Amino acid sequence: MSEIVVTMLGKPGCHLCDDARAVIERVVADEGVRFEERDITLDEELQREYWEQIPVTLVDGVQVDFWRVDEARLRAAIAKRRR
């Protein structure tokens, strides 16, 4: 099975992104999966698609949450990818 990746789409200075990052970092540490963060201001397509939703949380490219991270939903999405 390939490595599971949790991605957060955000931008600098976003207080919701800071809150989301704290939850995501805790979950990925517990679950042993990889975390990557992408700055939507550096990608025109991401900026156009997600500007009003950040932070956006994805598990292996599938959107799980936006604005706030629900820890239980994130853990469930990771568990589903493991099956």
Protein backbone atom coordinates (compact mmCIF):
# COMPACT_ATOMS: atom_id res chain seq x y z
CA MET A 1 0.00 0.00 0.00
CA SER A 2 1.29 3.47 -0.81
CA GLU A 3 1.94 6.11 1.80
CA ILE A 4 -1.10 8.09 2.93
CA VAL A 5 -0.69 11.86 2.60
CA VAL A 6 -2.74 14.51 4.40
CA THR A 7 -2.53 17.84 2.60
CA MET A 8 -3.59 21.22 3.92
CA LEU A 9 -4.24 23.99 1.42
CA GLY A 10 -3.84 27.39 3.01
CA LYS A 11 -2.07 30.72 2.84
CA PRO A 12 0.28 32.74 5.05
CA GLY A 13 -1.36 34.78 7.80
CA CYS A 14 -4.50 32.62 7.92
CA HIS A 15 -5.54 32.08 11.56
CA LEU A 16 -7.89 29.24 10.60
CA CYS A 17 -4.92 27.58 8.88
CA ASP A 18 -2.94 27.79 12.12
CA ASP A 19 -5.80 26.11 14.02
CA ALA A 20 -6.19 23.44 11.33
CA ARG A 21 -2.45 22.76 11.24
CA ALA A 22 -2.42 22.01 14.99
CA VAL A 23 -5.18 19.41 14.62
CA ILE A 24 -3.65 17.87 11.49
CA GLU A 25 -0.17 17.64 13.02
CA ARG A 26 -1.59 15.81 16.04
CA VAL A 27 -3.55 13.36 13.88
CA VAL A 28 -0.72 12.59 11.43
CA ALA A 29 1.67 11.98 14.34
CA ASP A 30 -0.80 9.55 15.93
CA GLU A 31 -1.65 7.84 12.64
CA GLY A 32 1.88 7.67 11.22
CA VAL A 33 0.99 9.33 7.91
CA ARG A 34 2.69 12.12 5.98
CA PHE A 35 1.65 15.78 6.14
CA GLU A 36 2.24 18.35 3.45
CA GLU A 37 1.13 21.94 3.29
CA ARG A 38 0.51 23.90 0.09
CA ASP A 39 0.29 27.68 -0.16
CA ILE A 40 -2.54 28.48 -2.56
CA THR A 41 -1.10 31.94 -3.24
CA LEU A 42 1.70 30.23 -5.18
CA ASP A 43 -0.66 28.32 -7.49
CA GLU A 44 -3.20 30.23 -9.57
CA GLU A 45 -5.45 27.21 -10.10
CA LEU A 46 -5.56 26.31 -6.39
CA GLN A 47 -6.16 29.94 -5.50
CA ARG A 48 -9.08 30.19 -7.93
CA GLU A 49 -10.65 26.93 -6.74
CA TYR A 50 -10.13 27.15 -2.96
CA TRP A 51 -9.72 30.85 -2.03
CA GLU A 52 -12.99 31.07 -0.08
CA GLN A 53 -12.64 27.64 1.57
CA ILE A 54 -9.19 27.67 3.16
CA PRO A 55 -7.92 25.86 4.99
CA VAL A 56 -8.87 22.81 2.98
CA THR A 57 -7.87 19.34 4.19
CA LEU A 58 -7.33 16.49 1.74
CA VAL A 59 -6.44 12.85 2.29
CA ASP A 60 -4.66 11.44 -0.75
CA GLY A 61 -6.15 14.23 -2.85
CA VAL A 62 -9.75 13.77 -1.67
CA GLN A 63 -11.26 16.74 0.19
CA VAL A 64 -12.26 15.93 3.77
CA ASP A 65 -12.87 19.37 5.32
CA PHE A 66 -12.69 23.11 4.77
CA TRP A 67 -12.53 26.09 7.17
CA ARG A 68 -12.21 23.85 10.24
CA VAL A 69 -10.74 20.39 10.66
CA ASP A 70 -12.95 17.79 12.31
CA GLU A 71 -10.48 15.45 13.97
CA ALA A 72 -12.83 12.44 13.96
CA ARG A 73 -13.65 12.91 10.25
CA LEU A 74 -9.94 13.20 9.41
CA ARG A 75 -9.14 10.02 11.34
CA ALA A 76 -12.03 8.22 9.61
CA ALA A 77 -10.78 9.32 6.18
CA ILE A 78 -7.31 7.99 6.98
CA ALA A 79 -8.76 4.70 8.23
CA LYS A 80 -10.84 4.39 5.05
CA ARG A 81 -7.70 4.84 2.90
CA ARG A 82 -6.01 2.04 4.85
CA ARG A 83 -8.74 -0.45 3.93
